[in-house]
Each structure stands twice: as C-alpha cells, then as structure tokens.
C-alpha cells in the first residue's frame, strides 16, 4: 500500500481502549500489514527519506483519540451553509448554452439546485484564470443571475500555469522566479497538462501568493465565483518527470539523476510516473534549503500549501468563508479545504470504495468530502445513480 502520511486508530483488546498513531513524513512511503499464525499482526512502515516523526494519542475512547488527533493537525474549517446543498457538475459542458439548459431543466422538473460547478470547459484554451470569450460569452451575467436566485458558482483551477509569454500570470511568476525549477536547466521546470507546456508555483517563494492571488482576482473580475475547485494538484503531469528532456543538458550543482537509483522504492513504482521529477527544486535562500527543498522531499505538501493560499484569499482578501474542494491533500489540509476523491469509474467496486473513503476522511479531519456520483469514467447506469 503506497501512501503519503498515515494515521491509525487501533483497539487494544486487553484494555478496550483505543490508541492513535501518526507517522508524519512527507516522503514516499509504503505500509505492509501482515497477519501472523498466532493471531497477532505486524505493521511495517518504509519511507525513503525526510524527517520521521511518530506521535501517539492514548488511551481512551475512539472519540477521545480523534479529538486529540484533530487538535494536533488542526480542526476542520467551517464551510459556508450553502455548500451543504445540491451541487451539479459535469466535464464536457462545451458552452454556456449547455450549462443554462441544465439549470433550466432543474427548474422545469422542480428539483433543488444550489451550486453549479465549472470544469475546465469554461477556460480559454484550458488556461488558468481565463474564460473562453466565445463558448462562454456571458458567463459573468449568468453567474449574476444565479446569485439573484440564491445559487452559487464554483470553477475548477488546475495546478499548472500555461507557459506562454502572453499569459499574464505565467509572466508574473517568471519575473518573480516563483516557479519550481528544473535540475537540468536551472530554469523554470516544464511540465505538461491540459493547456500544454505548464509551470508550477513553488509555495516556498515569497511571491507565490502574489502570483496566485493575482490570478484569482483576475478570474473573479471575469466571473464572480463563490468557491474554488483545486485539481491536478498532486502535482499531476502528463509526462513522467520533466518534459522536453531532449532539448536540455544537465548542469551543476543540481544532479538530475540524484534519485534515479534509490536502494528502495515504495511499491516498486517509478516515483516520477505521472508527476514532476524528484530532483526538481523549490525556492531557497541558503545552502541547507537548497539541499532539502527538492520535490523528493516536498511532493506531498504542494496541495496543502495551495489550499492554504486559496483559503487565505477568501478569508483575508474577500473577507468571506470559503468553499474549497481539493483532489490532493496532506495531514492538516482540513484546516483549509474540503475534498473529493478524484476521477473514479462507473462500477460497483468503485462505489464500494467511495463509501469507505468518505468515512475514512472523517477520521483524517476532512468532514466535507464526496465522490463523483454515478462514476466519472466509463458508461454508468440508472441503478448506480439511484
């Protein structure tokens, strides 16, 4: 089982008390649970670097242990009341006319509808903080109409910013040296997601919030959103590692091959599969930070810092309670964000897994959590949607 961080709550048969255990480590790791013939079980943790902290919460009832754990990581944020209503979202609403048709059908059939979501269809060429001026012309007025009827709009924002000199937000981040850097080029790392070549903010940069908040402010001028949906923030990447490697050569002092031959790799997987290279490095101010602020050590924290920045945009700038929903998360994410379980499949097995997952996240301190109803991938059926 490959994981990022782990929390366990165990019942001790001798005392009937519960014990909570936290293994706090942001590096790649896996867990092996083995049942022995004498009825006992072994739990083996293997991680490949970083600081290794273990915390125990004991003894007491399950409620006592959970309260102690949530006090430790931070209690969940309180989402706005309207976020508890009925939400409607779909990937593939090709234009605003389709969205309006969906909303109208809810009204026609006298069905409740509180929140309309916008997947990447609303963007101009899948570029963050933009609205397609043709397919989604009139979006601002449509959202105003929703607000007049006490409904709300929540758009998606992806982790990768389109690399384009004409993209205002990329240009700002580049001028501030606020993006994650390549160990090969010592320049902004090139990844690839929906808009094509993309850059990713380093949240350790003192300018990361400025870049992110500028984008959110500009988007809100175009479409007055009420919450934010954070996607692709593990970080996800359409290349395994760095894109365009054939165009670059590796200079010192950052060795791009530093993590190619580790003595142990969790799950036996390629660590860079579907994400950015482990040797990519973040903003630093001294030699020690330069050594430790590599993706190898920080990968699991990116979504946490993104959620924190987004939450503070709402609470500090807009002076309002946020609804934020994330795909990636880490211990403490519940302070800032809610959660959805990502792209699932339209099968009974995935439905079963989703129920387990929703309950697990109550333990992890993220109580507002959901899964794609009916499934996201493959064809669904009425019974799965019932």
Foldseek 3Di string as FASTA:
>chain_A
DKDQWDKDWDQDVVVRWIKIKTWDARFIKDWDWAADPVGDIDIDIDGFDDDTDMDMDDTHHPVSNLVVLCVVLDFFADFDPLVPWDEDEAPPCQAVVSVVVVVVVCVVVVHDYAEYEAELNQADLSAALHGNCPRYPCQQVVQVVCVVVNHFYEYEGEQWHDPDCPPVLVVVCQVQVFWWADQFPRHFFWFQDRSGTTTGGFLVRPCRLVSVLVSVVSSCVVHVHQAYEYECFLVFGPDQAGPPPVVTGGDDDQDQCPPVDRPDDPPPDRPSVRHHGQSTAGDDDDPVNRVQRGCSRCSLCRVLSVQVSRQCSCCPVVVDRHAYEYQGDDQSSSHRYAYEPDAFAQDPVRVVVQVVVQVVVVSSNRNRYYYPQNGRDDDGDPVSND
